[in-house]
Amino acid sequence: MSKIILIDEKWDFDSPISQYALKMAKGSDTEIVGICLTADTGDETVSRAQAVLSDIKQKFASEGIGFTSHVTGPDPKVFMNRIEGLMPASLVILGDITFSDEMIRGGADADALRSKLQCPVTTVDSLTSSHEEKKPAKGINWGMWIIYAIGSVLMYGVFFPKIEVLNEKIFMTETVLGGLAIMVVVVVHAWTWGNTTHILPKLFKLEK
């Protein structure tokens, strides 16, 4: 069984760190271990953190994922001993954590974890940013654009010069056929002209 260690301050099952670990553990023999880093080790603080972690455990269990947890205060030695005692692990993920000056002076921060542990140590921000789907840039379909451009030329060069005759015989006859004809012409013209001019922002580098 592999093990993923999550270290965070404000635990939430819907947070990026929990959801990322859930996706990694699904369908594999992986255990998740949560470390809640608290500002102090007072009874009230620890009890509140344990209650949150207990709820997290139930939600992971509903997904078929094993979850154990520990509450650790800002003492750098206790913190590092706790993490080292959970080794071996396949991955350590740091959530939204601010290491106190006391912890940094005592050699307990992200750099210390990376240097002392024999497994990858990363942050949830790095993981989520590296897996964000980038919308692929759409190229210009020149073939379709030429077709729309020809359609636009025909409308402005052939159709609209005959508009007075068409108005008299079709569009302005106050009939159902005339009304339908107007709607069709408006839709076709808007579609054709819009698809002809959509290339302009790309050509002039104005598209966001």
Foldseek 3Di string as FASTA:
>chain_A
DAEEEEEEADDDCPDLVNVVVLVVPPPHPYAYEYEHEYQDDDPVRQVVVVVRVVVSQVVSVVRVHHYHYDYDYLQQVRVVVVVVVPDDHAEYEYEPDDRDPNNVVVQHDQVSCCVPHPHYYYYSVVVCVVPDDDDDDDDDPVVVLVVLVVVQCCCVPPVVVCVVVCCVPAQVPPDPRNVVVVVVVVVSNCVSVVSNCPCVCVVVVNDD
